[in-house]
Amino acid sequence: GSNNVSKLHLFLGQSIHEVGGFSDLHNEESMNYSVANVLSVFGNKFSLTGEEEGLLKAADYARNSRKLANYAFADINGNGDEASGDGYKFRGRGLLHLSGRTNYQNFTTFYQRRFNSTKNFETNPSEIAADKELAVLSALWYYKTEVMSQININQNTTVDAVTKKINKAKKGIDSRKSRTKKAKDNIANCIEFDVL
């Protein structure tokens, strides 16, 4: 489905941001956040003191990946409650940080049909981070199903529009724009290709 260079530029800009560069394609979201990062990323769930109504103290979750992920990602994207452990089990993996039980289930269904495989990423989610082909393929699948199926991507498509489909809060928008511009500056418009 990535059949024009604009789709490639935007995919690269987003994925390079998500994994902090392509130095390690085996990327897995660590969730080992400092207090400042907990507040920056999950400010709607935490505060510095934890005294505000409905907010927890960030320091109680900082540097505890499992505890933070299980709380922050509970009851969203097909995950169970905090006690289920789904938040940590289905944290982000791959170039676009596939996350949430539902996405792992749906990617499994796609992969099994497309490649006549018995691999199950819901039961073995770490496999996406352990295999660079799966890291890339899961990102391309997500990009196709969650972005390209909803936006007609061409040379006029904005980074903001694509980011909103990948990260609703548009976290890291400046980095995403910078990395997309770099992809545009370094990849010629004459490329013709077809993926999946």
N, C-alpha and C. Protein backbone atom coordinates (compact mmCIF):
# COMPACT_ATOMS: atom_id res chain seq x y z
N GLY A 1 0.80 -1.22 0.00
CA GLY A 1 0.00 0.00 0.00
C GLY A 1 0.83 1.26 0.00
N SER A 2 2.10 1.17 0.38
CA SER A 2 2.95 2.38 0.38
C SER A 2 3.49 2.58 -1.03
N ASN A 3 2.64 3.12 -1.90
CA ASN A 3 2.97 3.19 -3.31
C ASN A 3 3.27 4.59 -3.82
N ASN A 4 3.53 5.53 -2.91
CA ASN A 4 4.05 6.82 -3.36
C ASN A 4 5.08 7.30 -2.33
N VAL A 5 5.95 8.18 -2.78
CA VAL A 5 7.08 8.58 -1.94
C VAL A 5 6.62 9.38 -0.72
N SER A 6 5.49 10.06 -0.79
CA SER A 6 4.98 10.80 0.38
C SER A 6 4.62 9.85 1.51
N LYS A 7 4.06 8.70 1.16
CA LYS A 7 3.73 7.69 2.18
C LYS A 7 5.01 7.21 2.86
N LEU A 8 6.06 7.02 2.07
CA LEU A 8 7.34 6.58 2.62
C LEU A 8 7.93 7.66 3.53
N HIS A 9 7.96 8.90 3.07
CA HIS A 9 8.52 9.99 3.89
C HIS A 9 7.83 10.06 5.24
N LEU A 10 6.51 10.05 5.22
CA LEU A 10 5.75 10.18 6.46
C LEU A 10 5.92 8.95 7.36
N PHE A 11 5.97 7.76 6.77
CA PHE A 11 6.21 6.55 7.55
C PHE A 11 7.57 6.63 8.23
N LEU A 12 8.59 7.00 7.49
CA LEU A 12 9.94 7.07 8.05
C LEU A 12 10.03 8.13 9.16
N GLY A 13 9.45 9.30 8.92
CA GLY A 13 9.47 10.35 9.94
C GLY A 13 8.83 9.91 11.24
N GLN A 14 7.69 9.22 11.12
CA GLN A 14 6.99 8.74 12.32
C GLN A 14 7.76 7.62 13.01
N SER A 15 8.22 6.65 12.24
CA SER A 15 8.87 5.49 12.87
C SER A 15 10.23 5.86 13.45
N ILE A 16 10.98 6.72 12.77
CA ILE A 16 12.27 7.14 13.32
C ILE A 16 12.05 7.85 14.65
N HIS A 17 11.01 8.68 14.74
CA HIS A 17 10.72 9.34 16.02
C HIS A 17 10.35 8.31 17.09
N GLU A 18 9.47 7.39 16.75
CA GLU A 18 8.97 6.42 17.74
C GLU A 18 10.08 5.60 18.38
N VAL A 19 11.08 5.22 17.59
CA VAL A 19 12.15 4.38 18.14
C VAL A 19 13.43 5.16 18.41
N GLY A 20 13.38 6.48 18.26
CA GLY A 20 14.57 7.28 18.57
C GLY A 20 15.72 7.04 17.62
N GLY A 21 15.41 6.82 16.36
CA GLY A 21 16.44 6.53 15.36
C GLY A 21 16.41 5.06 15.00
N PHE A 22 17.11 4.70 13.95
CA PHE A 22 17.10 3.31 13.49
C PHE A 22 18.33 2.53 13.94
N SER A 23 18.95 2.95 15.03
CA SER A 23 20.14 2.23 15.48
C SER A 23 19.79 0.85 16.03
N ASP A 24 18.54 0.68 16.49
CA ASP A 24 18.13 -0.61 17.04
C ASP A 24 16.71 -0.92 16.59
N LEU A 25 16.56 -1.80 15.60
CA LEU A 25 15.24 -2.15 15.10
C LEU A 25 14.50 -3.10 16.04
N HIS A 26 15.17 -3.58 17.05
CA HIS A 26 14.56 -4.52 18.00
C HIS A 26 13.91 -3.75 19.15
N ASN A 27 13.40 -2.60 18.87
CA ASN A 27 12.95 -1.69 19.91
C ASN A 27 11.74 -2.20 20.67
N GLU A 28 11.79 -1.94 21.97
CA GLU A 28 10.70 -2.28 22.87
C GLU A 28 10.58 -1.14 23.87
N GLU A 29 9.40 -0.65 24.07
CA GLU A 29 9.19 0.47 24.99
C GLU A 29 9.55 0.04 26.41
N SER A 30 10.50 0.72 27.02
CA SER A 30 10.99 0.29 28.33
C SER A 30 10.08 0.75 29.46
N MET A 31 9.48 1.91 29.34
CA MET A 31 8.62 2.49 30.38
C MET A 31 9.41 2.82 31.64
N ASN A 32 10.73 2.82 31.57
CA ASN A 32 11.57 3.16 32.71
C ASN A 32 11.71 4.68 32.77
N TYR A 33 10.62 5.35 33.12
CA TYR A 33 10.54 6.80 33.04
C TYR A 33 10.95 7.48 34.34
N SER A 34 11.58 8.62 34.20
CA SER A 34 11.85 9.49 35.33
C SER A 34 10.52 10.14 35.75
N VAL A 35 10.53 10.80 36.90
CA VAL A 35 9.33 11.52 37.35
C VAL A 35 8.92 12.53 36.29
N ALA A 36 9.89 13.27 35.76
CA ALA A 36 9.58 14.29 34.73
C ALA A 36 8.93 13.65 33.51
N ASN A 37 9.42 12.49 33.07
CA ASN A 37 8.83 11.82 31.91
C ASN A 37 7.44 11.28 32.20
N VAL A 38 7.23 10.75 33.40
CA VAL A 38 5.89 10.28 33.78
C VAL A 38 4.91 11.44 33.68
N LEU A 39 5.30 12.59 34.20
CA LEU A 39 4.42 13.77 34.17
C LEU A 39 4.22 14.28 32.74
N SER A 40 5.27 14.24 31.94
CA SER A 40 5.18 14.73 30.57
C SER A 40 4.29 13.84 29.70
N VAL A 41 4.45 12.54 29.83
CA VAL A 41 3.73 11.61 28.96
C VAL A 41 2.33 11.30 29.51
N PHE A 42 2.21 11.18 30.81
CA PHE A 42 0.94 10.77 31.42
C PHE A 42 0.42 11.82 32.40
N GLY A 43 0.52 13.07 32.03
CA GLY A 43 0.11 14.17 32.91
C GLY A 43 -1.35 14.15 33.29
N ASN A 44 -2.17 13.43 32.54
CA ASN A 44 -3.60 13.35 32.87
C ASN A 44 -3.89 12.29 33.93
N LYS A 45 -2.85 11.52 34.32
CA LYS A 45 -3.03 10.46 35.32
C LYS A 45 -2.19 10.67 36.57
N PHE A 46 -1.16 11.53 36.48
CA PHE A 46 -0.22 11.72 37.57
C PHE A 46 0.02 13.21 37.83
N SER A 47 0.47 13.48 39.05
CA SER A 47 0.95 14.81 39.39
C SER A 47 2.20 14.65 40.25
N LEU A 48 2.86 15.76 40.55
CA LEU A 48 4.07 15.71 41.35
C LEU A 48 3.78 15.23 42.77
N THR A 49 2.69 15.70 43.33
CA THR A 49 2.38 15.37 44.73
C THR A 49 1.37 14.24 44.88
N GLY A 50 0.53 14.04 43.87
CA GLY A 50 -0.52 13.03 43.97
C GLY A 50 -1.68 13.48 44.84
N GLU A 51 -1.69 14.76 45.19
CA GLU A 51 -2.73 15.28 46.09
C GLU A 51 -3.97 15.76 45.33
N GLU A 52 -3.84 15.95 44.03
CA GLU A 52 -4.97 16.39 43.23
C GLU A 52 -5.94 15.24 43.03
N GLU A 53 -7.21 15.56 42.98
CA GLU A 53 -8.24 14.52 42.85
C GLU A 53 -8.06 13.72 41.55
N GLY A 54 -8.03 12.42 41.71
CA GLY A 54 -7.93 11.52 40.56
C GLY A 54 -6.53 11.32 40.02
N LEU A 55 -5.54 11.98 40.57
CA LEU A 55 -4.16 11.85 40.09
C LEU A 55 -3.29 11.14 41.11
N LEU A 56 -2.38 10.33 40.62
CA LEU A 56 -1.46 9.60 41.48
C LEU A 56 -0.11 10.29 41.52
N LYS A 57 0.68 10.00 42.53
CA LYS A 57 2.00 10.59 42.69
C LYS A 57 2.98 9.96 41.70
N ALA A 58 3.55 10.76 40.83
CA ALA A 58 4.43 10.27 39.77
C ALA A 58 5.63 9.49 40.31
N ALA A 59 6.18 9.92 41.43
CA ALA A 59 7.37 9.26 41.98
C ALA A 59 7.09 7.81 42.38
N ASP A 60 5.84 7.50 42.68
CA ASP A 60 5.50 6.12 43.06
C ASP A 60 5.53 5.16 41.87
N TYR A 61 5.56 5.71 40.65
CA TYR A 61 5.54 4.89 39.43
C TYR A 61 6.81 5.06 38.59
N ALA A 62 7.57 6.12 38.88
CA ALA A 62 8.80 6.38 38.13
C ALA A 62 9.80 5.25 38.36
N ARG A 63 10.53 4.90 37.29
CA ARG A 63 11.57 3.86 37.31
C ARG A 63 11.03 2.48 37.67
N ASN A 64 9.72 2.29 37.48
CA ASN A 64 9.11 0.98 37.70
C ASN A 64 8.26 0.69 36.46
N SER A 65 8.90 0.15 35.45
CA SER A 65 8.28 -0.03 34.13
C SER A 65 6.98 -0.83 34.19
N ARG A 66 7.00 -1.93 34.87
CA ARG A 66 5.83 -2.81 34.93
C ARG A 66 4.65 -2.10 35.62
N LYS A 67 4.90 -1.50 36.75
CA LYS A 67 3.85 -0.82 37.51
C LYS A 67 3.27 0.34 36.70
N LEU A 68 4.14 1.14 36.08
CA LEU A 68 3.70 2.28 35.28
C LEU A 68 2.86 1.84 34.09
N ALA A 69 3.35 0.88 33.33
CA ALA A 69 2.63 0.43 32.13
C ALA A 69 1.29 -0.19 32.50
N ASN A 70 1.27 -1.00 33.54
CA ASN A 70 0.02 -1.66 33.93
C ASN A 70 -1.04 -0.66 34.38
N TYR A 71 -0.62 0.44 34.99
CA TYR A 71 -1.59 1.46 35.39
C TYR A 71 -1.96 2.35 34.20
N ALA A 72 -0.95 2.87 33.52
CA ALA A 72 -1.19 3.86 32.46
C ALA A 72 -1.96 3.30 31.27
N PHE A 73 -1.77 2.01 30.97
CA PHE A 73 -2.41 1.41 29.80
C PHE A 73 -3.55 0.47 30.15
N ALA A 74 -4.04 0.54 31.38
CA ALA A 74 -5.15 -0.32 31.81
C ALA A 74 -6.44 0.09 31.11
N ASP A 75 -7.23 -0.90 30.74
CA ASP A 75 -8.58 -0.69 30.19
C ASP A 75 -8.62 0.16 28.92
N ILE A 76 -7.56 0.12 28.13
CA ILE A 76 -7.56 0.80 26.83
C ILE A 76 -7.01 -0.15 25.77
N ASN A 77 -7.48 0.02 24.56
CA ASN A 77 -6.95 -0.73 23.42
C ASN A 77 -7.04 -2.25 23.62
N GLY A 78 -8.10 -2.69 24.28
CA GLY A 78 -8.30 -4.11 24.49
C GLY A 78 -7.61 -4.66 25.72
N ASN A 79 -6.85 -3.84 26.43
CA ASN A 79 -6.17 -4.30 27.64
C ASN A 79 -7.16 -4.47 28.78
N GLY A 80 -6.84 -5.40 29.68
CA GLY A 80 -7.63 -5.58 30.88
C GLY A 80 -7.28 -4.51 31.90
N ASP A 81 -7.76 -4.70 33.12
CA ASP A 81 -7.50 -3.72 34.18
C ASP A 81 -6.04 -3.77 34.62
N GLU A 82 -5.69 -2.93 35.57
CA GLU A 82 -4.31 -2.83 36.03
C GLU A 82 -3.77 -4.17 36.51
N ALA A 83 -4.58 -4.92 37.24
CA ALA A 83 -4.14 -6.20 37.80
C ALA A 83 -3.90 -7.27 36.73
N SER A 84 -4.46 -7.09 35.53
CA SER A 84 -4.30 -8.09 34.47
C SER A 84 -2.86 -8.18 33.96
N GLY A 85 -2.09 -7.09 34.11
CA GLY A 85 -0.73 -7.06 33.60
C GLY A 85 -0.65 -6.78 32.11
N ASP A 86 -1.79 -6.52 31.48
CA ASP A 86 -1.80 -6.30 30.02
C ASP A 86 -1.03 -5.04 29.61
N GLY A 87 -1.05 -4.02 30.43
CA GLY A 87 -0.36 -2.77 30.06
C GLY A 87 1.11 -3.01 29.77
N TYR A 88 1.75 -3.77 30.63
CA TYR A 88 3.17 -4.06 30.42
C TYR A 88 3.36 -5.12 29.34
N LYS A 89 2.54 -6.14 29.36
CA LYS A 89 2.67 -7.22 28.38
C LYS A 89 2.50 -6.71 26.96
N PHE A 90 1.56 -5.80 26.75
CA PHE A 90 1.27 -5.30 25.40
C PHE A 90 1.74 -3.87 25.20
N ARG A 91 2.87 -3.52 25.84
CA ARG A 91 3.46 -2.20 25.64
C ARG A 91 4.03 -2.11 24.23
N GLY A 92 4.48 -0.94 23.85
CA GLY A 92 4.93 -0.70 22.49
C GLY A 92 6.14 -1.51 22.05
N ARG A 93 6.00 -2.11 20.87
CA ARG A 93 7.11 -2.84 20.25
C ARG A 93 7.07 -2.59 18.74
N GLY A 94 8.23 -2.68 18.11
CA GLY A 94 8.31 -2.47 16.67
C GLY A 94 8.55 -1.01 16.34
N LEU A 95 8.69 -0.71 15.08
CA LEU A 95 9.03 0.65 14.66
C LEU A 95 7.98 1.69 15.01
N LEU A 96 6.72 1.33 15.01
CA LEU A 96 5.68 2.29 15.39
C LEU A 96 5.08 1.96 16.75
N HIS A 97 5.81 1.19 17.52
CA HIS A 97 5.40 0.82 18.88
C HIS A 97 3.97 0.32 18.93
N LEU A 98 3.76 -0.80 18.26
CA LEU A 98 2.49 -1.51 18.34
C LEU A 98 2.16 -1.71 19.81
N SER A 99 0.98 -1.31 20.25
CA SER A 99 0.64 -1.45 21.66
C SER A 99 -0.84 -1.77 21.83
N GLY A 100 -1.15 -2.41 22.95
CA GLY A 100 -2.52 -2.78 23.27
C GLY A 100 -2.86 -4.17 22.76
N ARG A 101 -3.57 -4.92 23.58
CA ARG A 101 -3.94 -6.30 23.23
C ARG A 101 -4.65 -6.37 21.88
N THR A 102 -5.56 -5.44 21.60
CA THR A 102 -6.31 -5.47 20.34
C THR A 102 -5.38 -5.41 19.14
N ASN A 103 -4.38 -4.53 19.18
CA ASN A 103 -3.45 -4.44 18.06
C ASN A 103 -2.62 -5.70 17.89
N TYR A 104 -2.21 -6.31 18.99
CA TYR A 104 -1.46 -7.56 18.90
C TYR A 104 -2.34 -8.67 18.32
N GLN A 105 -3.60 -8.72 18.72
CA GLN A 105 -4.53 -9.71 18.17
C GLN A 105 -4.72 -9.50 16.67
N ASN A 106 -4.97 -8.25 16.28
CA ASN A 106 -5.23 -7.95 14.87
C ASN A 106 -4.00 -8.17 13.99
N PHE A 107 -2.83 -7.83 14.51
CA PHE A 107 -1.61 -8.09 13.74
C PHE A 107 -1.38 -9.60 13.60
N THR A 108 -1.68 -10.35 14.65
CA THR A 108 -1.56 -11.81 14.58
C THR A 108 -2.46 -12.37 13.47
N THR A 109 -3.70 -11.91 13.44
CA THR A 109 -4.64 -12.38 12.41
C THR A 109 -4.11 -12.08 11.01
N PHE A 110 -3.65 -10.84 10.80
CA PHE A 110 -3.07 -10.46 9.51
C PHE A 110 -1.89 -11.36 9.17
N TYR A 111 -0.97 -11.49 10.10
CA TYR A 111 0.27 -12.24 9.84
C TYR A 111 -0.01 -13.70 9.54
N GLN A 112 -0.90 -14.30 10.31
CA GLN A 112 -1.22 -15.72 10.08
C GLN A 112 -1.82 -15.94 8.71
N ARG A 113 -2.71 -15.05 8.30
CA ARG A 113 -3.34 -15.19 6.97
C ARG A 113 -2.36 -14.90 5.85
N ARG A 114 -1.61 -13.83 5.99
CA ARG A 114 -0.71 -13.38 4.92
C ARG A 114 0.44 -14.36 4.69
N PHE A 115 0.95 -14.95 5.79
CA PHE A 115 2.14 -15.78 5.69
C PHE A 115 1.87 -17.25 6.04
N ASN A 116 0.60 -17.62 6.11
CA ASN A 116 0.23 -19.00 6.43
C ASN A 116 1.04 -19.51 7.63
N SER A 117 0.95 -18.74 8.70
CA SER A 117 1.79 -18.97 9.87
C SER A 117 0.94 -19.30 11.10
N THR A 118 1.57 -19.88 12.08
CA THR A 118 0.91 -20.14 13.37
C THR A 118 1.44 -19.21 14.46
N LYS A 119 2.31 -18.28 14.09
CA LYS A 119 2.84 -17.33 15.08
C LYS A 119 1.67 -16.60 15.74
N ASN A 120 1.80 -16.38 17.03
CA ASN A 120 0.75 -15.69 17.77
C ASN A 120 1.40 -14.63 18.65
N PHE A 121 1.26 -13.36 18.25
CA PHE A 121 1.90 -12.27 18.95
C PHE A 121 1.13 -11.84 20.20
N GLU A 122 -0.10 -12.33 20.32
CA GLU A 122 -0.84 -12.08 21.56
C GLU A 122 -0.25 -12.94 22.68
N THR A 123 0.12 -14.16 22.37
CA THR A 123 0.71 -15.03 23.39
C THR A 123 2.22 -14.81 23.52
N ASN A 124 2.85 -14.27 22.47
CA ASN A 124 4.28 -14.02 22.51
C ASN A 124 4.60 -12.64 21.94
N PRO A 125 4.18 -11.58 22.64
CA PRO A 125 4.36 -10.22 22.10
C PRO A 125 5.81 -9.81 21.95
N SER A 126 6.71 -10.36 22.77
CA SER A 126 8.12 -9.98 22.69
C SER A 126 8.77 -10.36 21.37
N GLU A 127 8.14 -11.27 20.63
CA GLU A 127 8.70 -11.69 19.35
C GLU A 127 8.80 -10.53 18.37
N ILE A 128 7.91 -9.55 18.49
CA ILE A 128 7.95 -8.39 17.59
C ILE A 128 9.21 -7.57 17.83
N ALA A 129 9.63 -7.47 19.08
CA ALA A 129 10.85 -6.73 19.39
C ALA A 129 12.10 -7.55 19.10
N ALA A 130 11.99 -8.86 19.14
CA ALA A 130 13.15 -9.74 18.98
C ALA A 130 13.54 -9.98 17.53
N ASP A 131 12.66 -9.65 16.60
CA ASP A 131 12.89 -9.95 15.19
C ASP A 131 12.73 -8.66 14.37
N LYS A 132 13.82 -8.20 13.73
CA LYS A 132 13.75 -6.91 13.04
C LYS A 132 12.75 -6.92 11.88
N GLU A 133 12.56 -8.06 11.21
CA GLU A 133 11.55 -8.12 10.16
C GLU A 133 10.16 -7.88 10.73
N LEU A 134 9.88 -8.49 11.87
CA LEU A 134 8.58 -8.29 12.51
C LEU A 134 8.42 -6.87 13.02
N ALA A 135 9.52 -6.27 13.50
CA ALA A 135 9.48 -4.88 13.96
C ALA A 135 9.05 -3.96 12.83
N VAL A 136 9.58 -4.20 11.64
CA VAL A 136 9.24 -3.39 10.47
C VAL A 136 7.84 -3.75 9.96
N LEU A 137 7.57 -5.03 9.82
CA LEU A 137 6.29 -5.48 9.27
C LEU A 137 5.11 -5.04 10.14
N SER A 138 5.26 -5.13 11.46
CA SER A 138 4.17 -4.69 12.35
C SER A 138 3.91 -3.20 12.17
N ALA A 139 4.97 -2.43 11.97
CA ALA A 139 4.82 -0.98 11.76
C ALA A 139 4.13 -0.69 10.42
N LEU A 140 4.55 -1.39 9.38
CA LEU A 140 3.91 -1.20 8.07
C LEU A 140 2.44 -1.60 8.13
N TRP A 141 2.13 -2.69 8.81
CA TRP A 141 0.73 -3.13 8.97
C TRP A 141 -0.08 -2.05 9.70
N TYR A 142 0.47 -1.54 10.80
CA TYR A 142 -0.24 -0.52 11.57
C TYR A 142 -0.44 0.75 10.73
N TYR A 143 0.59 1.14 10.03
CA TYR A 143 0.54 2.34 9.18
C TYR A 143 -0.54 2.18 8.10
N LYS A 144 -0.61 0.99 7.53
CA LYS A 144 -1.61 0.75 6.49
C LYS A 144 -3.02 0.74 7.07
N THR A 145 -3.22 0.05 8.19
CA THR A 145 -4.58 -0.12 8.73
C THR A 145 -5.07 1.09 9.51
N GLU A 146 -4.18 1.78 10.21
CA GLU A 146 -4.61 2.88 11.08
C GLU A 146 -4.36 4.27 10.51
N VAL A 147 -3.52 4.36 9.50
CA VAL A 147 -3.22 5.67 8.92
C VAL A 147 -3.69 5.75 7.47
N MET A 148 -3.11 4.92 6.61
CA MET A 148 -3.43 5.01 5.18
C MET A 148 -4.87 4.66 4.86
N SER A 149 -5.50 3.85 5.69
CA SER A 149 -6.91 3.53 5.44
C SER A 149 -7.83 4.69 5.80
N GLN A 150 -7.31 5.67 6.53
CA GLN A 150 -8.13 6.79 6.98
C GLN A 150 -7.74 8.13 6.37
N ILE A 151 -6.55 8.21 5.82
CA ILE A 151 -6.06 9.45 5.23
C ILE A 151 -5.55 9.17 3.82
N ASN A 152 -5.92 10.00 2.88
CA ASN A 152 -5.36 9.91 1.54
C ASN A 152 -4.02 10.64 1.56
N ILE A 153 -2.94 9.88 1.59
CA ILE A 153 -1.61 10.49 1.74
C ILE A 153 -1.03 10.84 0.38
N ASN A 154 -0.67 12.12 0.26
CA ASN A 154 -0.01 12.63 -0.93
C ASN A 154 0.95 13.73 -0.50
N GLN A 155 1.51 14.47 -1.45
CA GLN A 155 2.52 15.48 -1.12
C GLN A 155 1.96 16.62 -0.27
N ASN A 156 0.65 16.74 -0.15
CA ASN A 156 0.05 17.80 0.66
C ASN A 156 -0.35 17.33 2.07
N THR A 157 -0.19 16.07 2.37
CA THR A 157 -0.56 15.53 3.67
C THR A 157 0.40 16.05 4.73
N THR A 158 -0.15 16.53 5.83
CA THR A 158 0.70 17.11 6.88
C THR A 158 1.17 16.06 7.88
N VAL A 159 2.28 16.35 8.51
CA VAL A 159 2.81 15.50 9.57
C VAL A 159 1.80 15.48 10.73
N ASP A 160 1.15 16.61 10.99
CA ASP A 160 0.15 16.67 12.06
C ASP A 160 -0.97 15.66 11.84
N ALA A 161 -1.47 15.56 10.61
CA ALA A 161 -2.58 14.66 10.30
C ALA A 161 -2.19 13.20 10.53
N VAL A 162 -0.98 12.85 10.12
CA VAL A 162 -0.51 11.47 10.29
C VAL A 162 -0.23 11.19 11.77
N THR A 163 0.40 12.15 12.43
CA THR A 163 0.73 11.97 13.85
C THR A 163 -0.52 11.73 14.68
N LYS A 164 -1.59 12.43 14.38
CA LYS A 164 -2.83 12.29 15.14
C LYS A 164 -3.36 10.85 15.09
N LYS A 165 -3.08 10.12 14.01
CA LYS A 165 -3.51 8.73 13.89
C LYS A 165 -2.58 7.78 14.65
N ILE A 166 -1.35 8.20 14.87
CA ILE A 166 -0.37 7.36 15.55
C ILE A 166 -0.28 7.69 17.03
N ASN A 167 -0.37 8.97 17.34
CA ASN A 167 -0.27 9.45 18.72
C ASN A 167 -1.28 10.59 18.87
N LYS A 168 -2.46 10.26 19.39
CA LYS A 168 -3.55 11.24 19.45
C LYS A 168 -3.17 12.54 20.11
N ALA A 169 -2.28 12.47 21.11
CA ALA A 169 -1.85 13.68 21.82
C ALA A 169 -0.79 14.45 21.03
N LYS A 170 -0.35 13.88 19.91
CA LYS A 170 0.67 14.48 19.04
C LYS A 170 1.95 14.79 19.81
N LYS A 171 2.33 13.86 20.70
CA LYS A 171 3.58 14.00 21.45
C LYS A 171 4.76 13.92 20.48
N GLY A 172 5.73 14.78 20.68
CA GLY A 172 6.93 14.76 19.86
C GLY A 172 6.71 15.30 18.46
N ILE A 173 5.74 16.18 18.28
CA ILE A 173 5.40 16.66 16.93
C ILE A 173 6.58 17.34 16.24
N ASP A 174 7.37 18.10 16.98
CA ASP A 174 8.51 18.79 16.35
C ASP A 174 9.54 17.79 15.84
N SER A 175 9.79 16.75 16.63
CA SER A 175 10.73 15.70 16.20
C SER A 175 10.19 14.98 14.98
N ARG A 176 8.90 14.69 14.97
CA ARG A 176 8.28 13.99 13.84
C ARG A 176 8.39 14.84 12.57
N LYS A 177 8.17 16.14 12.70
CA LYS A 177 8.28 17.03 11.53
C LYS A 177 9.71 17.09 11.03
N SER A 178 10.65 17.21 11.95
CA SER A 178 12.06 17.29 11.58
C SER A 178 12.52 16.01 10.88
N ARG A 179 12.10 14.88 11.40
CA ARG A 179 12.53 13.60 10.83
C ARG A 179 11.85 13.34 9.47
N THR A 180 10.61 13.80 9.33
CA THR A 180 9.94 13.66 8.03
C THR A 180 10.62 14.55 7.00
N LYS A 181 10.99 15.76 7.40
CA LYS A 181 11.70 16.66 6.48
C LYS A 181 13.03 16.04 6.04
N LYS A 182 13.72 15.42 7.00
CA LYS A 182 15.00 14.78 6.67
C LYS A 182 14.77 13.65 5.66
N ALA A 183 13.71 12.88 5.85
CA ALA A 183 13.39 11.81 4.89
C ALA A 183 13.11 12.40 3.51
N LYS A 184 12.36 13.50 3.47
CA LYS A 184 12.06 14.15 2.18
C LYS A 184 13.33 14.66 1.51
N ASP A 185 14.20 15.25 2.32
CA ASP A 185 15.44 15.82 1.78
C ASP A 185 16.41 14.76 1.27
N ASN A 186 16.30 13.53 1.79
CA ASN A 186 17.29 12.51 1.46
C ASN A 186 16.78 11.38 0.59
N ILE A 187 15.48 11.35 0.32
CA ILE A 187 14.93 10.28 -0.53
C ILE A 187 14.29 10.92 -1.74
N ALA A 188 14.79 10.57 -2.89
CA ALA A 188 14.36 11.20 -4.15
C ALA A 188 12.90 10.85 -4.47
N ASN A 189 12.26 11.73 -5.21
CA ASN A 189 10.88 11.53 -5.63
C ASN A 189 10.73 10.53 -6.76
N CYS A 190 11.84 10.06 -7.31
CA CYS A 190 11.75 9.16 -8.47
C CYS A 190 11.60 7.68 -8.06
N ILE A 191 11.59 7.41 -6.75
CA ILE A 191 11.48 6.02 -6.31
C ILE A 191 10.11 5.46 -6.67
N GLU A 192 10.08 4.28 -7.24
CA GLU A 192 8.84 3.59 -7.47
C GLU A 192 8.92 2.25 -6.75
N PHE A 193 7.93 1.96 -5.95
CA PHE A 193 7.95 0.73 -5.17
C PHE A 193 6.54 0.34 -4.79
N ASP A 194 6.41 -0.87 -4.28
CA ASP A 194 5.13 -1.34 -3.78
C ASP A 194 5.40 -2.28 -2.62
N VAL A 195 4.83 -1.99 -1.46
CA VAL A 195 5.02 -2.81 -0.27
C VAL A 195 3.70 -3.42 0.12
N LEU A 196 3.68 -4.71 0.41
CA LEU A 196 2.48 -5.44 0.83
C LEU A 196 1.38 -5.23 -0.19
